[in-house]
Amino acid sequence: MIFLALTLKAKANRWANIILGIVYTGVVLITVLMLGAWAYYYVFAIAEVVLYALIVWYAWKWPKQES
């Protein structure tokens, strides 16, 4: 993702961050809810979901640029 963030144009970068943030959030939630986990993994899963949500939020709110 770091490489893509540096090489993609603004519009493609924005949509890549939104889509992949949502996909990764879904993967984390499915993994935790379907497979179960130890208690400490729930803490890390919550942290991951919060960070992915922030990525999607900032990508959504980032000023639109023509490029």
Protein backbone atom coordinates (compact mmCIF):
# COMPACT_ATOMS: atom_id res chain seq x y z
CA MET A 1 0.00 0.00 0.00
CA ILE A 2 2.88 2.37 0.65
CA PHE A 3 4.16 1.86 -2.89
CA LEU A 4 0.68 2.39 -4.32
CA ALA A 5 0.15 5.53 -2.23
CA LEU A 6 3.30 7.01 -3.71
CA THR A 7 2.70 5.99 -7.32
CA LEU A 8 -1.05 6.22 -7.92
CA LYS A 9 -2.81 9.38 -8.94
CA ALA A 10 -4.91 11.08 -6.26
CA LYS A 11 -8.28 9.73 -7.39
CA ALA A 12 -7.08 6.13 -7.73
CA ASN A 13 -5.22 6.36 -4.43
CA ARG A 14 -8.32 7.64 -2.69
CA TRP A 15 -10.51 4.81 -3.96
CA ALA A 16 -7.85 2.19 -3.26
CA ASN A 17 -7.67 3.34 0.36
CA ILE A 18 -11.46 3.33 0.73
CA ILE A 19 -11.99 -0.09 -0.86
CA LEU A 20 -9.07 -1.86 0.78
CA GLY A 21 -9.88 -0.34 4.16
CA ILE A 22 -13.39 -1.74 3.96
CA VAL A 23 -12.16 -5.14 2.73
CA TYR A 24 -9.53 -5.45 5.47
CA THR A 25 -12.09 -4.45 8.11
CA GLY A 26 -14.39 -7.20 6.85
CA VAL A 27 -11.59 -9.76 6.92
CA VAL A 28 -10.68 -8.89 10.50
CA LEU A 29 -14.30 -9.00 11.67
CA ILE A 30 -15.01 -12.30 9.92
CA THR A 31 -11.84 -13.83 11.33
CA VAL A 32 -12.65 -12.81 14.88
CA LEU A 33 -16.36 -13.58 14.78
CA MET A 34 -16.26 -16.84 12.81
CA LEU A 35 -13.09 -18.44 14.10
CA GLY A 36 -13.04 -17.02 17.59
CA ALA A 37 -9.85 -15.98 19.27
CA TRP A 38 -8.09 -15.49 22.56
CA ALA A 39 -8.93 -12.37 24.53
CA TYR A 40 -5.77 -10.48 23.57
CA TYR A 41 -6.57 -10.92 19.89
CA TYR A 42 -9.86 -9.08 20.38
CA VAL A 43 -7.90 -6.05 21.60
CA PHE A 44 -5.72 -6.08 18.48
CA ALA A 45 -8.75 -6.67 16.25
CA ILE A 46 -10.49 -3.63 17.73
CA ALA A 47 -7.35 -1.56 17.18
CA GLU A 48 -7.14 -2.75 13.57
CA VAL A 49 -10.79 -1.95 12.88
CA VAL A 50 -10.38 1.53 14.37
CA LEU A 51 -7.28 2.21 12.27
CA TYR A 52 -8.92 0.93 9.09
CA ALA A 53 -11.96 3.08 9.82
CA LEU A 54 -9.67 6.10 10.19
CA ILE A 55 -8.02 5.33 6.86
CA VAL A 56 -11.40 5.14 5.14
CA TRP A 57 -12.62 8.30 6.90
CA TYR A 58 -9.56 10.36 5.93
CA ALA A 59 -9.62 9.04 2.36
CA TRP A 60 -13.31 9.95 2.12
CA LYS A 61 -12.84 13.44 3.57
CA TRP A 62 -9.60 14.23 1.73
CA PRO A 63 -10.05 17.20 -0.65
CA LYS A 64 -10.89 16.07 -4.16
CA GLN A 65 -8.21 16.86 -6.71
CA GLU A 66 -8.34 16.76 -10.46
CA SER A 67 -5.62 14.36 -11.61
